[in-house]
């Protein structure tokens, strides 16, 4: 594994092991293990959207090969998915993630925890997908609108391997309502939920506790500091991350199965009753899937889905005469040519004065060269969420507040970064959040905060998604209809014939 992928905390683990630091009476270093410890292996995947490999790495066939290989070596393998797989992807725009559930049914995770993207198509579609799964979904911090546990869900469970009782709790991203279409679903704080659940699991006799969570970095670190769970298997951040402080281990496996982490845990139990003690210690294996031969059975299934897609999507829409860049850091960090194209499309196609889209809704993460052809596939890959075009009417004050929100988390490359049409914005990103916008002009004139403007955007943002609550003003009017943003972009691109969008100072920052 490249040195750059090894976290400082992993190095710290080796130092701790070398020094044989004294731990608690229950958790002791590997030197104190008895002769015949039981080895458990936790295989983790998370944030896997693409069913096919990209540039010879990742994809479901390589992931399947790893899982099948590990299971062939040991019956003590626990395969976990820490969330985000139903959406977004190109095909999910057609089948709302059904293909991903079918593919994962082939290798049956022991546990899946829903990520925020599991709810992109709403509560009912999410529950439909769960009903099709042959694996267990854990979500201790998620409840239906009436407070009940969702159908076919559990908060936690205990599984046994060679006499070791493993208590597993799952928790989804607590901020999912702001990032997805969760509807009436309620999300409780992750750390408090996991703390209560692991306490109960230990009371039920669990020897070791595992939290499978979809959580941001801050929540993950708080969970680790809480010492509630012994092992934390996480998703959401798209990081390859290994951390161990001598008491709690935290792991994340990047995204799209480019890398897959296996955590081998040696567990020894001594004594009985009140004298019973548990000792464990983790070691890590990181699979670079570029070195993994794809599983033939899974590869055949993936190719069948890709063949279906090609019939509908490999149709030219326009020629590209200026480079486009939809990489995440580009569309979430500043004005982007492809963001201008999409914002122009929704504004023009809906006869609005302003176009406003969130950078996080642009997802293909690729570059287009001059001379390339833009296809239906490209547009749907860029806009996979199925968001609908919406025209809302709000004051200039509300528009300014919306832009402030869009610039409020640019340091974290948050998906709320605004891509705009019809506006010229000057901002100071060094200023405090809430006062970063220095000026906004439309048609060469300052935005009138008292005037009502028509804003073309998407239904996710009008519902207040990504913090755009001022677009959800109760006095606003809008009709989402059934027209997809992607369809607006296709129609606009076909009409203009050639794509010449470029960065032109719509958003100037310092």
Foldseek 3Di string as FASTA:
>chain_A
DDPVQADPQNVVQVVCLVVQDADDPQAGHPVPFDDDFDKAKEWEAEAAAAQDDDPLFFHLQLVLLVLVVVCVVDVRYAYEYLEHYQDDFLCCLPVSSLLRQVLCLVSAGQEYEYELNCQQVHDVSSLVSLVSHPHAYAAQFKAALVRHRDPRHHQWDWDDDPRATEIEGEHYEQCSVQAHHHDSMHGDQDQVRLLVRLVVVVVVPHSFYEYRYAYDPVSVVVNQVVLSHQEYEYDPPLGQDWHDDSRHIYGYAGHSPQKMKMKMKTWHWDDDDPPIHIYIDIDMDIDRSSPGDGNVVSVVSSVVVVVVVCVPKVAFQAAEAAKFFLALLQLLQDATLVLQLLQVLLCVVVVFQKGKEFSLQQALRGMDDHGDTDILSNLCRRHRSQWFKKKKKAFLLLVVQLQLLLLQPSVVSDRSNIHMDQKFWEFESVDHRPHGTPFIDGPRHTGDRGDIGIYIYTPCVCVCHSNSCSSVPVPMDMDRPNHGSSNSSSVVNNVVRYRDGGDDRSYHYD
